PDB file of N, CA and C in Angstrom:
ATOM      1  N   MET A   1      -2.953 -23.682  -3.460  1.00  0.00           N
ATOM      2  CA  MET A   1      -3.767 -24.825  -3.078  1.00  0.00           C
ATOM      3  C   MET A   1      -3.015 -25.693  -2.070  1.00  0.00           C
ATOM      4  N   ARG A   2      -1.705 -25.750  -2.211  1.00  0.00           N
ATOM      5  CA  ARG A   2      -0.915 -26.553  -1.265  1.00  0.00           C
ATOM      6  C   ARG A   2      -1.019 -25.949   0.135  1.00  0.00           C
ATOM      7  N   ALA A   3      -0.977 -24.621   0.234  1.00  0.00           N
ATOM      8  CA  ALA A   3      -1.101 -23.962   1.537  1.00  0.00           C
ATOM      9  C   ALA A   3      -2.461 -24.269   2.158  1.00  0.00           C
ATOM     10  N   ARG A   4      -3.514 -24.234   1.363  1.00  0.00           N
ATOM     11  CA  ARG A   4      -4.854 -24.559   1.866  1.00  0.00           C
ATOM     12  C   ARG A   4      -4.901 -25.977   2.390  1.00  0.00           C
ATOM     13  N   ASP A   5      -4.334 -26.909   1.619  1.00  0.00           N
ATOM     14  CA  ASP A   5      -4.321 -28.312   2.042  1.00  0.00           C
ATOM     15  C   ASP A   5      -3.554 -28.488   3.342  1.00  0.00           C
ATOM     16  N   ARG A   6      -2.429 -27.789   3.479  1.00  0.00           N
ATOM     17  CA  ARG A   6      -1.642 -27.903   4.716  1.00  0.00           C
ATOM     18  C   ARG A   6      -2.383 -27.305   5.902  1.00  0.00           C
ATOM     19  N   LEU A   7      -3.106 -26.216   5.688  1.00  0.00           N
ATOM     20  CA  LEU A   7      -3.896 -25.629   6.760  1.00  0.00           C
ATOM     21  C   LEU A   7      -4.970 -26.610   7.212  1.00  0.00           C
ATOM     22  N   VAL A   8      -5.672 -27.207   6.288  1.00  0.00           N
ATOM     23  CA  VAL A   8      -6.740 -28.163   6.616  1.00  0.00           C
ATOM     24  C   VAL A   8      -6.164 -29.383   7.326  1.00  0.00           C
ATOM     25  N   GLU A   9      -5.027 -29.881   6.876  1.00  0.00           N
ATOM     26  CA  GLU A   9      -4.384 -31.021   7.543  1.00  0.00           C
ATOM     27  C   GLU A   9      -4.068 -30.683   8.999  1.00  0.00           C
ATOM     28  N   GLY A  10      -3.573 -29.475   9.236  1.00  0.00           N
ATOM     29  CA  GLY A  10      -3.257 -29.059  10.597  1.00  0.00           C
ATOM     30  C   GLY A  10      -4.491 -28.947  11.478  1.00  0.00           C
ATOM     31  N   LEU A  11      -5.599 -28.497  10.894  1.00  0.00           N
ATOM     32  CA  LEU A  11      -6.845 -28.369  11.638  1.00  0.00           C
ATOM     33  C   LEU A  11      -7.427 -29.722  12.016  1.00  0.00           C
ATOM     34  N   ASP A  12      -7.083 -30.762  11.255  1.00  0.00           N
ATOM     35  CA  ASP A  12      -7.587 -32.107  11.539  1.00  0.00           C
ATOM     36  C   ASP A  12      -6.916 -32.727  12.756  1.00  0.00           C
ATOM     37  N   GLN A  13      -5.798 -32.155  13.208  1.00  0.00           N
ATOM     38  CA  GLN A  13      -5.082 -32.700  14.356  1.00  0.00           C
ATOM     39  C   GLN A  13      -5.656 -32.128  15.649  1.00  0.00           C
ATOM     40  N   ASN A  14      -5.474 -32.875  16.726  1.00  0.00           N
ATOM     41  CA  ASN A  14      -5.980 -32.420  18.019  1.00  0.00           C
ATOM     42  C   ASN A  14      -4.855 -32.439  19.032  1.00  0.00           C
ATOM     43  N   PRO A  15      -4.358 -31.295  19.479  1.00  0.00           N
ATOM     44  CA  PRO A  15      -4.746 -29.938  19.096  1.00  0.00           C
ATOM     45  C   PRO A  15      -4.220 -29.601  17.710  1.00  0.00           C
ATOM     46  N   PRO A  16      -4.762 -28.562  17.090  1.00  0.00           N
ATOM     47  CA  PRO A  16      -4.291 -28.188  15.752  1.00  0.00           C
ATOM     48  C   PRO A  16      -2.783 -27.942  15.731  1.00  0.00           C
ATOM     49  N   ALA A  17      -2.142 -28.407  14.673  1.00  0.00           N
ATOM     50  CA  ALA A  17      -0.693 -28.221  14.493  1.00  0.00           C
ATOM     51  C   ALA A  17      -0.474 -27.842  13.036  1.00  0.00           C
ATOM     52  N   TYR A  18       0.085 -26.670  12.819  1.00  0.00           N
ATOM     53  CA  TYR A  18       0.204 -26.142  11.461  1.00  0.00           C
ATOM     54  C   TYR A  18       1.605 -26.360  10.910  1.00  0.00           C
ATOM     55  N   HIS A  19       1.684 -26.693   9.649  1.00  0.00           N
ATOM     56  CA  HIS A  19       2.954 -26.897   8.969  1.00  0.00           C
ATOM     57  C   HIS A  19       3.772 -25.612   9.079  1.00  0.00           C
ATOM     58  N   PRO A  20       5.066 -25.720   9.426  1.00  0.00           N
ATOM     59  CA  PRO A  20       5.878 -24.510   9.619  1.00  0.00           C
ATOM     60  C   PRO A  20       5.979 -23.632   8.371  1.00  0.00           C
ATOM     61  N   SER A  21       5.803 -24.191   7.192  1.00  0.00           N
ATOM     62  CA  SER A  21       5.903 -23.389   5.969  1.00  0.00           C
ATOM     63  C   SER A  21       4.753 -22.394   5.841  1.00  0.00           C
ATOM     64  N   LEU A  22       3.682 -22.550   6.641  1.00  0.00           N
ATOM     65  CA  LEU A  22       2.532 -21.653   6.549  1.00  0.00           C
ATOM     66  C   LEU A  22       2.754 -20.337   7.284  1.00  0.00           C
ATOM     67  N   ARG A  23       3.629 -20.332   8.250  1.00  0.00           N
ATOM     68  CA  ARG A  23       3.929 -19.122   9.016  1.00  0.00           C
ATOM     69  C   ARG A  23       2.637 -18.408   9.450  1.00  0.00           C
ATOM     70  N   LEU A  24       1.829 -19.123  10.200  1.00  0.00           N
ATOM     71  CA  LEU A  24       0.541 -18.623  10.678  1.00  0.00           C
ATOM     72  C   LEU A  24       0.747 -17.791  11.937  1.00  0.00           C
ATOM     73  N   LYS A  25       0.187 -16.558  11.948  1.00  0.00           N
ATOM     74  CA  LYS A  25       0.294 -15.691  13.127  1.00  0.00           C
ATOM     75  C   LYS A  25      -0.921 -14.775  13.182  1.00  0.00           C
ATOM     76  N   ARG A  26      -1.200 -14.259  14.371  1.00  0.00           N
ATOM     77  CA  ARG A  26      -2.305 -13.311  14.526  1.00  0.00           C
ATOM     78  C   ARG A  26      -2.015 -12.046  13.736  1.00  0.00           C
ATOM     79  N   HIS A  27      -3.060 -11.471  13.165  1.00  0.00           N
ATOM     80  CA  HIS A  27      -2.916 -10.212  12.436  1.00  0.00           C
ATOM     81  C   HIS A  27      -3.795  -9.182  13.136  1.00  0.00           C
ATOM     82  N   GLN A  28      -3.240  -8.579  14.177  1.00  0.00           N
ATOM     83  CA  GLN A  28      -4.006  -7.699  15.052  1.00  0.00           C
ATOM     84  C   GLN A  28      -4.567  -6.484  14.342  1.00  0.00           C
ATOM     85  N   ALA A  29      -3.908  -6.000  13.308  1.00  0.00           N
ATOM     86  CA  ALA A  29      -4.386  -4.808  12.597  1.00  0.00           C
ATOM     87  C   ALA A  29      -5.729  -5.057  11.908  1.00  0.00           C
ATOM     88  N   SER A  30      -6.064  -6.311  11.654  1.00  0.00           N
ATOM     89  CA  SER A  30      -7.324  -6.639  10.971  1.00  0.00           C
ATOM     90  C   SER A  30      -8.452  -6.970  11.938  1.00  0.00           C
ATOM     91  N   GLY A  31      -8.179  -6.935  13.220  1.00  0.00           N
ATOM     92  CA  GLY A  31      -9.225  -7.183  14.209  1.00  0.00           C
ATOM     93  C   GLY A  31      -9.054  -8.500  14.922  1.00  0.00           C
ATOM     94  N   PRO A  32      -9.863  -8.715  15.948  1.00  0.00           N
ATOM     95  CA  PRO A  32      -9.741  -9.932  16.746  1.00  0.00           C
ATOM     96  C   PRO A  32     -10.087 -11.180  15.939  1.00  0.00           C
ATOM     97  N   GLY A  33      -9.330 -12.221  16.163  1.00  0.00           N
ATOM     98  CA  GLY A  33      -9.605 -13.506  15.523  1.00  0.00           C
ATOM     99  C   GLY A  33      -9.121 -13.645  14.099  1.00  0.00           C
ATOM    100  N   VAL A  34      -8.397 -12.653  13.580  1.00  0.00           N
ATOM    101  CA  VAL A  34      -7.895 -12.716  12.206  1.00  0.00           C
ATOM    102  C   VAL A  34      -6.434 -13.151  12.240  1.00  0.00           C
ATOM    103  N   PHE A  35      -6.099 -14.080  11.358  1.00  0.00           N
ATOM    104  CA  PHE A  35      -4.746 -14.615  11.271  1.00  0.00           C
ATOM    105  C   PHE A  35      -4.185 -14.366   9.884  1.00  0.00           C
ATOM    106  N   GLU A  36      -2.880 -14.143   9.843  1.00  0.00           N
ATOM    107  CA  GLU A  36      -2.162 -14.022   8.570  1.00  0.00           C
ATOM    108  C   GLU A  36      -1.450 -15.335   8.311  1.00  0.00           C
ATOM    109  N   LEU A  37      -1.601 -15.817   7.121  1.00  0.00           N
ATOM    110  CA  LEU A  37      -0.962 -17.040   6.670  1.00  0.00           C
ATOM    111  C   LEU A  37      -0.038 -16.636   5.531  1.00  0.00           C
ATOM    112  N   SER A  38       1.262 -16.851   5.700  1.00  0.00           N
ATOM    113  CA  SER A  38       2.171 -16.541   4.594  1.00  0.00           C
ATOM    114  C   SER A  38       2.748 -17.845   4.084  1.00  0.00           C
ATOM    115  N   PHE A  39       2.929 -17.909   2.786  1.00  0.00           N
ATOM    116  CA  PHE A  39       3.339 -19.171   2.169  1.00  0.00           C
ATOM    117  C   PHE A  39       4.073 -18.885   0.875  1.00  0.00           C
ATOM    118  N   GLY A  40       4.854 -19.844   0.453  1.00  0.00           N
ATOM    119  CA  GLY A  40       5.554 -19.738  -0.826  1.00  0.00           C
ATOM    120  C   GLY A  40       6.421 -18.504  -0.911  1.00  0.00           C
ATOM    121  N   ASP A  41       6.537 -17.962  -2.097  1.00  0.00           N
ATOM    122  CA  ASP A  41       7.380 -16.804  -2.353  1.00  0.00           C
ATOM    123  C   ASP A  41       6.531 -15.538  -2.379  1.00  0.00           C
ATOM    124  N   GLY A  42       6.081 -15.087  -1.196  1.00  0.00           N
ATOM    125  CA  GLY A  42       5.335 -13.843  -1.102  1.00  0.00           C
ATOM    126  C   GLY A  42       3.831 -13.984  -1.039  1.00  0.00           C
ATOM    127  N   GLY A  43       3.305 -15.192  -1.004  1.00  0.00           N
ATOM    128  CA  GLY A  43       1.862 -15.372  -0.904  1.00  0.00           C
ATOM    129  C   GLY A  43       1.372 -15.069   0.497  1.00  0.00           C
ATOM    130  N   ARG A  44       0.195 -14.458   0.594  1.00  0.00           N
ATOM    131  CA  ARG A  44      -0.404 -14.111   1.878  1.00  0.00           C
ATOM    132  C   ARG A  44      -1.903 -14.408   1.824  1.00  0.00           C
ATOM    133  N   ALA A  45      -2.444 -14.730   2.980  1.00  0.00           N
ATOM    134  CA  ALA A  45      -3.887 -14.880   3.126  1.00  0.00           C
ATOM    135  C   ALA A  45      -4.269 -14.394   4.518  1.00  0.00           C
ATOM    136  N   LEU A  46      -5.426 -13.786   4.626  1.00  0.00           N
ATOM    137  CA  LEU A  46      -6.009 -13.438   5.914  1.00  0.00           C
ATOM    138  C   LEU A  46      -7.192 -14.370   6.125  1.00  0.00           C
ATOM    139  N   VAL A  47      -7.212 -15.039   7.282  1.00  0.00           N
ATOM    140  CA  VAL A  47      -8.265 -16.014   7.575  1.00  0.00           C
ATOM    141  C   VAL A  47      -8.817 -15.776   8.973  1.00  0.00           C
ATOM    142  N   ARG A  48     -10.023 -16.283   9.162  1.00  0.00           N
ATOM    143  CA  ARG A  48     -10.656 -16.288  10.483  1.00  0.00           C
ATOM    144  C   ARG A  48     -11.335 -17.646  10.618  1.00  0.00           C
ATOM    145  N   PHE A  49     -11.312 -18.185  11.817  1.00  0.00           N
ATOM    146  CA  PHE A  49     -11.951 -19.473  12.066  1.00  0.00           C
ATOM    147  C   PHE A  49     -13.349 -19.198  12.597  1.00  0.00           C
ATOM    148  N   GLY A  50     -14.368 -19.626  11.849  1.00  0.00           N
ATOM    149  CA  GLY A  50     -15.749 -19.334  12.188  1.00  0.00           C
ATOM    150  C   GLY A  50     -16.455 -20.503  12.846  1.00  0.00           C
ATOM    151  N   GLU A  51     -17.749 -20.308  13.052  1.00  0.00           N
ATOM    152  CA  GLU A  51     -18.601 -21.344  13.631  1.00  0.00           C
ATOM    153  C   GLU A  51     -18.642 -22.558  12.703  1.00  0.00           C
ATOM    154  N   GLN A  52     -18.690 -23.730  13.294  1.00  0.00           N
ATOM    155  CA  GLN A  52     -18.748 -24.955  12.489  1.00  0.00           C
ATOM    156  C   GLN A  52     -20.003 -24.957  11.625  1.00  0.00           C
ATOM    157  N   VAL A  53     -19.818 -25.350  10.372  1.00  0.00           N
ATOM    158  CA  VAL A  53     -20.932 -25.509   9.451  1.00  0.00           C
ATOM    159  C   VAL A  53     -21.340 -26.974   9.427  1.00  0.00           C
ATOM    160  N   ARG A  54     -20.324 -27.842   9.443  1.00  0.00           N
ATOM    161  CA  ARG A  54     -20.553 -29.295   9.522  1.00  0.00           C
ATOM    162  C   ARG A  54     -19.982 -29.805  10.830  1.00  0.00           C
ATOM    163  N   GLU A  55     -20.709 -30.653  11.490  1.00  0.00           N
ATOM    164  CA  GLU A  55     -20.303 -31.227  12.776  1.00  0.00           C
ATOM    165  C   GLU A  55     -18.883 -31.787  12.714  1.00  0.00           C
ATOM    166  N   GLY A  56     -18.041 -31.336  13.637  1.00  0.00           N
ATOM    167  CA  GLY A  56     -16.684 -31.852  13.745  1.00  0.00           C
ATOM    168  C   GLY A  56     -15.701 -31.317  12.719  1.00  0.00           C
ATOM    169  N   MET A  57     -16.150 -30.392  11.865  1.00  0.00           N
ATOM    170  CA  MET A  57     -15.281 -29.838  10.823  1.00  0.00           C
ATOM    171  C   MET A  57     -15.040 -28.354  11.109  1.00  0.00           C
ATOM    172  N   PRO A  58     -13.780 -27.945  11.259  1.00  0.00           N
ATOM    173  CA  PRO A  58     -13.522 -26.520  11.462  1.00  0.00           C
ATOM    174  C   PRO A  58     -13.933 -25.719  10.230  1.00  0.00           C
ATOM    175  N   HIS A  59     -14.354 -24.496  10.448  1.00  0.00           N
ATOM    176  CA  HIS A  59     -14.790 -23.627   9.352  1.00  0.00           C
ATOM    177  C   HIS A  59     -13.786 -22.493   9.203  1.00  0.00           C
ATOM    178  N   VAL A  60     -13.202 -22.367   8.029  1.00  0.00           N
ATOM    179  CA  VAL A  60     -12.216 -21.323   7.755  1.00  0.00           C
ATOM    180  C   VAL A  60     -12.849 -20.288   6.833  1.00  0.00           C
ATOM    181  N   GLU A  61     -12.824 -19.031   7.259  1.00  0.00           N
ATOM    182  CA  GLU A  61     -13.300 -17.932   6.430  1.00  0.00           C
ATOM    183  C   GLU A  61     -12.073 -17.282   5.797  1.00  0.00           C
ATOM    184  N   TRP A  62     -11.988 -17.318   4.483  1.00  0.00           N
ATOM    185  CA  TRP A  62     -10.876 -16.707   3.750  1.00  0.00           C
ATOM    186  C   TRP A  62     -11.246 -15.260   3.485  1.00  0.00           C
ATOM    187  N   LEU A  63     -10.559 -14.341   4.135  1.00  0.00           N
ATOM    188  CA  LEU A  63     -10.894 -12.920   4.038  1.00  0.00           C
ATOM    189  C   LEU A  63     -10.201 -12.229   2.874  1.00  0.00           C
ATOM    190  N   ALA A  64      -8.957 -12.626   2.584  1.00  0.00           N
ATOM    191  CA  ALA A  64      -8.199 -12.035   1.478  1.00  0.00           C
ATOM    192  C   ALA A  64      -7.061 -12.969   1.120  1.00  0.00           C
ATOM    193  N   ILE A  65      -6.758 -13.029  -0.169  1.00  0.00           N
ATOM    194  CA  ILE A  65      -5.638 -13.831  -0.661  1.00  0.00           C
ATOM    195  C   ILE A  65      -4.902 -12.987  -1.692  1.00  0.00           C
ATOM    196  N   GLY A  66      -3.580 -12.970  -1.598  1.00  0.00           N
ATOM    197  CA  GLY A  66      -2.786 -12.188  -2.565  1.00  0.00           C
ATOM    198  C   GLY A  66      -1.342 -12.106  -2.120  1.00  0.00           C
ATOM    199  N   GLY A  67      -0.761 -10.945  -2.319  1.00  0.00           N
ATOM    200  CA  GLY A  67       0.611 -10.688  -1.910  1.00  0.00           C
ATOM    201  C   GLY A  67       0.647  -9.851  -0.648  1.00  0.00           C
ATOM    202  N   HIS A  68       1.797  -9.273  -0.374  1.00  0.00           N
ATOM    203  CA  HIS A  68       1.973  -8.499   0.842  1.00  0.00           C
ATOM    204  C   HIS A  68       1.005  -7.315   0.938  1.00  0.00           C
ATOM    205  N   GLU A  69       0.495  -6.845  -0.180  1.00  0.00           N
ATOM    206  CA  GLU A  69      -0.398  -5.686  -0.168  1.00  0.00           C
ATOM    207  C   GLU A  69      -1.674  -5.929   0.633  1.00  0.00           C
ATOM    208  N   ILE A  70      -2.101  -7.170   0.807  1.00  0.00           N
ATOM    209  CA  ILE A  70      -3.342  -7.434   1.529  1.00  0.00           C
ATOM    210  C   ILE A  70      -3.193  -7.238   3.028  1.00  0.00           C
ATOM    211  N   VAL A  71      -1.972  -7.208   3.536  1.00  0.00           N
ATOM    212  CA  VAL A  71      -1.780  -7.064   4.979  1.00  0.00           C
ATOM    213  C   VAL A  71      -1.378  -5.659   5.381  1.00  0.00           C
ATOM    214  N   ASP A  72      -1.247  -4.765   4.416  1.00  0.00           N
ATOM    215  CA  ASP A  72      -0.879  -3.376   4.734  1.00  0.00           C
ATOM    216  C   ASP A  72      -2.073  -2.587   5.197  1.00  0.00           C
TER     217      ASP A  72
END
């Protein structure tokens, strides 16, 4: 939950600035627009930023959450 909160905080900035503990990077093996977020002791998430659902609010699509196995 802390990683999610830090991601949202970073998205609220203009331009977006992500907390270094999130280690956000493109994950090309999963296709265009997919990012890998690594956090804590082995936590991983695959996310994509989608079309806004609410005006002025970024939309994050959580594709997978788990350990390193989700990025293999």
